Amino acid sequence: MTQPAPETIRTPNTRIACDGTGDGLANAALGHPRVWLEIDPDAGFADCGYCDRRFILIGGIADKA
């Protein structure tokens, strides 16, 4: 059984950056190193290896909204 991601962010972009803060600047001490993630269109999502946020491609196969 798959556990749900702690936070899910829908995005229109297949390439996104995650630093764990959500805004890119404020609270940087609370985040993690910035990593770039690429969403595979066949999967429709990418998970951050640091904070486990899930980025879902809007209109992709994983987009249930």
PDB file of N, CA and C in Angstrom:
ATOM      1  N   MET A   1       0.838  -1.168   0.000  1.00  0.00           N
ATOM      2  CA  MET A   1       0.000   0.000   0.000  1.00  0.00           C
ATOM      3  C   MET A   1       0.890   1.239   0.000  1.00  0.00           C
ATOM      4  N   THR A   2       0.634   2.186  -0.893  1.00  0.00           N
ATOM      5  CA  THR A   2       1.428   3.395  -1.036  1.00  0.00           C
ATOM      6  C   THR A   2       0.961   4.459  -0.064  1.00  0.00           C
ATOM      7  N   GLN A   3       1.905   5.070   0.641  1.00  0.00           N
ATOM      8  CA  GLN A   3       1.588   6.163   1.551  1.00  0.00           C
ATOM      9  C   GLN A   3       1.406   7.452   0.751  1.00  0.00           C
ATOM     10  N   PRO A   4       0.450   8.304   1.123  1.00  0.00           N
ATOM     11  CA  PRO A   4       0.288   9.579   0.423  1.00  0.00           C
ATOM     12  C   PRO A   4       1.457  10.508   0.725  1.00  0.00           C
ATOM     13  N   ALA A   5       1.780  11.372  -0.237  1.00  0.00           N
ATOM     14  CA  ALA A   5       2.855  12.345  -0.057  1.00  0.00           C
ATOM     15  C   ALA A   5       2.456  13.347   1.023  1.00  0.00           C
ATOM     16  N   PRO A   6       3.429  13.851   1.820  1.00  0.00           N
ATOM     17  CA  PRO A   6       3.101  14.813   2.866  1.00  0.00           C
ATOM     18  C   PRO A   6       2.497  16.098   2.310  1.00  0.00           C
ATOM     19  N   GLU A   7       2.938  16.513   1.146  1.00  0.00           N
ATOM     20  CA  GLU A   7       2.412  17.715   0.509  1.00  0.00           C
ATOM     21  C   GLU A   7       2.395  17.480  -0.997  1.00  0.00           C
ATOM     22  N   THR A   8       1.330  17.903  -1.637  1.00  0.00           N
ATOM     23  CA  THR A   8       1.202  17.756  -3.083  1.00  0.00           C
ATOM     24  C   THR A   8       1.059  19.131  -3.710  1.00  0.00           C
ATOM     25  N   ILE A   9       1.854  19.371  -4.750  1.00  0.00           N
ATOM     26  CA  ILE A   9       1.823  20.649  -5.457  1.00  0.00           C
ATOM     27  C   ILE A   9       1.554  20.369  -6.927  1.00  0.00           C
ATOM     28  N   ARG A  10       0.504  20.981  -7.455  1.00  0.00           N
ATOM     29  CA  ARG A  10       0.193  20.855  -8.888  1.00  0.00           C
ATOM     30  C   ARG A  10       0.954  21.939  -9.639  1.00  0.00           C
ATOM     31  N   THR A  11       1.522  21.595 -10.787  1.00  0.00           N
ATOM     32  CA  THR A  11       2.318  22.527 -11.562  1.00  0.00           C
ATOM     33  C   THR A  11       2.104  22.308 -13.056  1.00  0.00           C
ATOM     34  N   PRO A  12       2.159  23.392 -13.858  1.00  0.00           N
ATOM     35  CA  PRO A  12       2.057  23.243 -15.305  1.00  0.00           C
ATOM     36  C   PRO A  12       3.406  22.911 -15.950  1.00  0.00           C
ATOM     37  N   ASN A  13       4.485  22.914 -15.164  1.00  0.00           N
ATOM     38  CA  ASN A  13       5.837  22.719 -15.687  1.00  0.00           C
ATOM     39  C   ASN A  13       6.337  21.312 -15.435  1.00  0.00           C
ATOM     40  N   THR A  14       7.109  20.771 -16.379  1.00  0.00           N
ATOM     41  CA  THR A  14       7.694  19.450 -16.186  1.00  0.00           C
ATOM     42  C   THR A  14       9.027  19.531 -15.450  1.00  0.00           C
ATOM     43  N   ARG A  15       9.644  20.715 -15.403  1.00  0.00           N
ATOM     44  CA  ARG A  15      10.911  20.898 -14.671  1.00  0.00           C
ATOM     45  C   ARG A  15      10.651  21.885 -13.544  1.00  0.00           C
ATOM     46  N   ILE A  16      10.869  21.434 -12.310  1.00  0.00           N
ATOM     47  CA  ILE A  16      10.621  22.283 -11.150  1.00  0.00           C
ATOM     48  C   ILE A  16      11.797  22.198 -10.187  1.00  0.00           C
ATOM     49  N   ALA A  17      11.911  23.232  -9.350  1.00  0.00           N
ATOM     50  CA  ALA A  17      12.928  23.262  -8.306  1.00  0.00           C
ATOM     51  C   ALA A  17      12.230  23.136  -6.960  1.00  0.00           C
ATOM     52  N   CYS A  18      12.857  22.418  -6.046  1.00  0.00           N
ATOM     53  CA  CYS A  18      12.321  22.292  -4.691  1.00  0.00           C
ATOM     54  C   CYS A  18      13.459  22.582  -3.720  1.00  0.00           C
ATOM     55  N   ASP A  19      13.178  23.465  -2.739  1.00  0.00           N
ATOM     56  CA  ASP A  19      14.155  23.735  -1.695  1.00  0.00           C
ATOM     57  C   ASP A  19      13.569  23.489  -0.309  1.00  0.00           C
ATOM     58  N   GLY A  20      12.389  22.928  -0.265  1.00  0.00           N
ATOM     59  CA  GLY A  20      11.774  22.570   1.000  1.00  0.00           C
ATOM     60  C   GLY A  20      11.033  23.690   1.706  1.00  0.00           C
ATOM     61  N   THR A  21      11.154  24.941   1.198  1.00  0.00           N
ATOM     62  CA  THR A  21      10.487  26.055   1.870  1.00  0.00           C
ATOM     63  C   THR A  21       9.157  26.397   1.224  1.00  0.00           C
ATOM     64  N   GLY A  22       9.023  26.114  -0.055  1.00  0.00           N
ATOM     65  CA  GLY A  22       7.778  26.438  -0.747  1.00  0.00           C
ATOM     66  C   GLY A  22       7.792  27.778  -1.432  1.00  0.00           C
ATOM     67  N   ASP A  23       8.646  28.722  -0.960  1.00  0.00           N
ATOM     68  CA  ASP A  23       8.674  30.030  -1.601  1.00  0.00           C
ATOM     69  C   ASP A  23      10.032  30.366  -2.201  1.00  0.00           C
ATOM     70  N   GLY A  24      11.024  29.553  -1.980  1.00  0.00           N
ATOM     71  CA  GLY A  24      12.319  29.750  -2.596  1.00  0.00           C
ATOM     72  C   GLY A  24      13.260  30.686  -1.858  1.00  0.00           C
ATOM     73  N   LEU A  25      12.753  31.545  -0.986  1.00  0.00           N
ATOM     74  CA  LEU A  25      13.619  32.502  -0.302  1.00  0.00           C
ATOM     75  C   LEU A  25      13.417  32.515   1.202  1.00  0.00           C
ATOM     76  N   ALA A  26      12.221  32.815   1.650  1.00  0.00           N
ATOM     77  CA  ALA A  26      11.951  32.921   3.086  1.00  0.00           C
ATOM     78  C   ALA A  26      12.118  31.562   3.753  1.00  0.00           C
ATOM     79  N   ASN A  27      12.538  31.578   4.988  1.00  0.00           N
ATOM     80  CA  ASN A  27      12.703  30.363   5.785  1.00  0.00           C
ATOM     81  C   ASN A  27      13.687  29.371   5.165  1.00  0.00           C
ATOM     82  N   ALA A  28      14.685  29.879   4.445  1.00  0.00           N
ATOM     83  CA  ALA A  28      15.644  28.986   3.790  1.00  0.00           C
ATOM     84  C   ALA A  28      16.359  28.088   4.786  1.00  0.00           C
ATOM     85  N   ALA A  29      16.542  28.553   6.023  1.00  0.00           N
ATOM     86  CA  ALA A  29      17.203  27.731   7.036  1.00  0.00           C
ATOM     87  C   ALA A  29      16.363  26.514   7.411  1.00  0.00           C
ATOM     88  N   LEU A  30      15.066  26.558   7.127  1.00  0.00           N
ATOM     89  CA  LEU A  30      14.185  25.444   7.451  1.00  0.00           C
ATOM     90  C   LEU A  30      14.054  24.443   6.309  1.00  0.00           C
ATOM     91  N   GLY A  31      14.632  24.761   5.160  1.00  0.00           N
ATOM     92  CA  GLY A  31      14.471  23.912   3.981  1.00  0.00           C
ATOM     93  C   GLY A  31      15.622  22.939   3.793  1.00  0.00           C
ATOM     94  N   HIS A  32      15.915  22.664   2.524  1.00  0.00           N
ATOM     95  CA  HIS A  32      16.993  21.760   2.145  1.00  0.00           C
ATOM     96  C   HIS A  32      17.671  22.322   0.906  1.00  0.00           C
ATOM     97  N   PRO A  33      18.798  21.748   0.465  1.00  0.00           N
ATOM     98  CA  PRO A  33      19.440  22.254  -0.753  1.00  0.00           C
ATOM     99  C   PRO A  33      18.467  22.215  -1.924  1.00  0.00           C
ATOM    100  N   ARG A  34      18.522  23.223  -2.783  1.00  0.00           N
ATOM    101  CA  ARG A  34      17.637  23.267  -3.949  1.00  0.00           C
ATOM    102  C   ARG A  34      18.004  22.131  -4.904  1.00  0.00           C
ATOM    103  N   VAL A  35      16.996  21.382  -5.284  1.00  0.00           N
ATOM    104  CA  VAL A  35      17.161  20.311  -6.263  1.00  0.00           C
ATOM    105  C   VAL A  35      16.195  20.554  -7.415  1.00  0.00           C
ATOM    106  N   TRP A  36      16.620  20.166  -8.596  1.00  0.00           N
ATOM    107  CA  TRP A  36      15.769  20.271  -9.778  1.00  0.00           C
ATOM    108  C   TRP A  36      15.193  18.898 -10.067  1.00  0.00           C
ATOM    109  N   LEU A  37      13.892  18.871 -10.304  1.00  0.00           N
ATOM    110  CA  LEU A  37      13.176  17.623 -10.580  1.00  0.00           C
ATOM    111  C   LEU A  37      12.556  17.696 -11.963  1.00  0.00           C
ATOM    112  N   GLU A  38      12.505  16.579 -12.642  1.00  0.00           N
ATOM    113  CA  GLU A  38      11.891  16.480 -13.963  1.00  0.00           C
ATOM    114  C   GLU A  38      10.712  15.515 -13.864  1.00  0.00           C
ATOM    115  N   ILE A  39       9.536  16.003 -14.229  1.00  0.00           N
ATOM    116  CA  ILE A  39       8.340  15.151 -14.204  1.00  0.00           C
ATOM    117  C   ILE A  39       8.287  14.329 -15.487  1.00  0.00           C
ATOM    118  N   ASP A  40       8.259  13.029 -15.332  1.00  0.00           N
ATOM    119  CA  ASP A  40       8.111  12.121 -16.472  1.00  0.00           C
ATOM    120  C   ASP A  40       6.649  12.164 -16.905  1.00  0.00           C
ATOM    121  N   PRO A  41       6.365  12.571 -18.148  1.00  0.00           N
ATOM    122  CA  PRO A  41       4.970  12.647 -18.599  1.00  0.00           C
ATOM    123  C   PRO A  41       4.219  11.316 -18.501  1.00  0.00           C
ATOM    124  N   ASP A  42       4.926  10.196 -18.583  1.00  0.00           N
ATOM    125  CA  ASP A  42       4.269   8.890 -18.473  1.00  0.00           C
ATOM    126  C   ASP A  42       3.800   8.616 -17.044  1.00  0.00           C
ATOM    127  N   ALA A  43       4.513   9.162 -16.047  1.00  0.00           N
ATOM    128  CA  ALA A  43       4.121   8.984 -14.646  1.00  0.00           C
ATOM    129  C   ALA A  43       3.225  10.133 -14.192  1.00  0.00           C
ATOM    130  N   GLY A  44       3.517  11.353 -14.664  1.00  0.00           N
ATOM    131  CA  GLY A  44       2.711  12.517 -14.318  1.00  0.00           C
ATOM    132  C   GLY A  44       3.075  13.171 -13.005  1.00  0.00           C
ATOM    133  N   PHE A  45       4.139  12.701 -12.340  1.00  0.00           N
ATOM    134  CA  PHE A  45       4.543  13.304 -11.070  1.00  0.00           C
ATOM    135  C   PHE A  45       6.027  13.049 -10.818  1.00  0.00           C
ATOM    136  N   ALA A  46       6.564  13.830  -9.868  1.00  0.00           N
ATOM    137  CA  ALA A  46       7.929  13.630  -9.372  1.00  0.00           C
ATOM    138  C   ALA A  46       7.916  13.896  -7.870  1.00  0.00           C
ATOM    139  N   ASP A  47       8.689  13.126  -7.117  1.00  0.00           N
ATOM    140  CA  ASP A  47       8.784  13.288  -5.669  1.00  0.00           C
ATOM    141  C   ASP A  47      10.160  13.839  -5.315  1.00  0.00           C
ATOM    142  N   CYS A  48      10.189  14.777  -4.371  1.00  0.00           N
ATOM    143  CA  CYS A  48      11.446  15.313  -3.872  1.00  0.00           C
ATOM    144  C   CYS A  48      12.070  14.295  -2.921  1.00  0.00           C
ATOM    145  N   GLY A  49      13.326  13.994  -3.122  1.00  0.00           N
ATOM    146  CA  GLY A  49      14.021  13.029  -2.288  1.00  0.00           C
ATOM    147  C   GLY A  49      14.340  13.547  -0.895  1.00  0.00           C
ATOM    148  N   TYR A  50      14.298  14.868  -0.693  1.00  0.00           N
ATOM    149  CA  TYR A  50      14.575  15.448   0.621  1.00  0.00           C
ATOM    150  C   TYR A  50      13.318  15.547   1.475  1.00  0.00           C
ATOM    151  N   CYS A  51      12.292  16.217   0.950  1.00  0.00           N
ATOM    152  CA  CYS A  51      11.123  16.525   1.790  1.00  0.00           C
ATOM    153  C   CYS A  51       9.880  15.713   1.413  1.00  0.00           C
ATOM    154  N   ASP A  52       9.984  14.868   0.402  1.00  0.00           N
ATOM    155  CA  ASP A  52       8.896  13.998  -0.044  1.00  0.00           C
ATOM    156  C   ASP A  52       7.709  14.739  -0.650  1.00  0.00           C
ATOM    157  N   ARG A  53       7.871  16.030  -0.953  1.00  0.00           N
ATOM    158  CA  ARG A  53       6.782  16.709  -1.664  1.00  0.00           C
ATOM    159  C   ARG A  53       6.576  16.030  -3.003  1.00  0.00           C
ATOM    160  N   ARG A  54       5.324  15.966  -3.410  1.00  0.00           N
ATOM    161  CA  ARG A  54       4.995  15.394  -4.714  1.00  0.00           C
ATOM    162  C   ARG A  54       4.539  16.523  -5.620  1.00  0.00           C
ATOM    163  N   PHE A  55       5.173  16.627  -6.775  1.00  0.00           N
ATOM    164  CA  PHE A  55       4.810  17.619  -7.782  1.00  0.00           C
ATOM    165  C   PHE A  55       4.062  16.885  -8.888  1.00  0.00           C
ATOM    166  N   ILE A  56       2.817  17.319  -9.128  1.00  0.00           N
ATOM    167  CA  ILE A  56       1.952  16.663 -10.106  1.00  0.00           C
ATOM    168  C   ILE A  56       1.761  17.578 -11.306  1.00  0.00           C
ATOM    169  N   LEU A  57       1.944  17.034 -12.480  1.00  0.00           N
ATOM    170  CA  LEU A  57       1.771  17.785 -13.725  1.00  0.00           C
ATOM    171  C   LEU A  57       0.295  18.019 -13.977  1.00  0.00           C
ATOM    172  N   ILE A  58      -0.105  19.290 -14.056  1.00  0.00           N
ATOM    173  CA  ILE A  58      -1.509  19.641 -14.305  1.00  0.00           C
ATOM    174  C   ILE A  58      -1.938  19.055 -15.640  1.00  0.00           C
ATOM    175  N   GLY A  59      -3.034  18.319 -15.623  1.00  0.00           N
ATOM    176  CA  GLY A  59      -3.550  17.688 -16.832  1.00  0.00           C
ATOM    177  C   GLY A  59      -2.870  16.369 -17.158  1.00  0.00           C
ATOM    178  N   GLY A  60      -1.892  15.966 -16.359  1.00  0.00           N
ATOM    179  CA  GLY A  60      -1.181  14.717 -16.587  1.00  0.00           C
ATOM    180  C   GLY A  60      -1.950  13.531 -16.023  1.00  0.00           C
ATOM    181  N   ILE A  61      -1.379  12.361 -16.205  1.00  0.00           N
ATOM    182  CA  ILE A  61      -2.031  11.124 -15.805  1.00  0.00           C
ATOM    183  C   ILE A  61      -2.274  11.034 -14.295  1.00  0.00           C
ATOM    184  N   ALA A  62      -1.419  11.684 -13.482  1.00  0.00           N
ATOM    185  CA  ALA A  62      -1.558  11.629 -12.019  1.00  0.00           C
ATOM    186  C   ALA A  62      -2.444  12.742 -11.458  1.00  0.00           C
ATOM    187  N   ASP A  63      -2.885  13.654 -12.317  1.00  0.00           N
ATOM    188  CA  ASP A  63      -3.691  14.800 -11.858  1.00  0.00           C
ATOM    189  C   ASP A  63      -5.137  14.365 -11.666  1.00  0.00           C
ATOM    190  N   LYS A  64      -5.546  14.253 -10.405  1.00  0.00           N
ATOM    191  CA  LYS A  64      -6.907  13.803 -10.086  1.00  0.00           C
ATOM    192  C   LYS A  64      -7.825  14.955  -9.690  1.00  0.00           C
ATOM    193  N   ALA A  65      -7.314  16.199  -9.729  1.00  0.00           N
ATOM    194  CA  ALA A  65      -8.106  17.361  -9.298  1.00  0.00           C
ATOM    195  C   ALA A  65      -9.137  17.757 -10.337  1.00  0.00           C
TER     196      ALA A  65
END
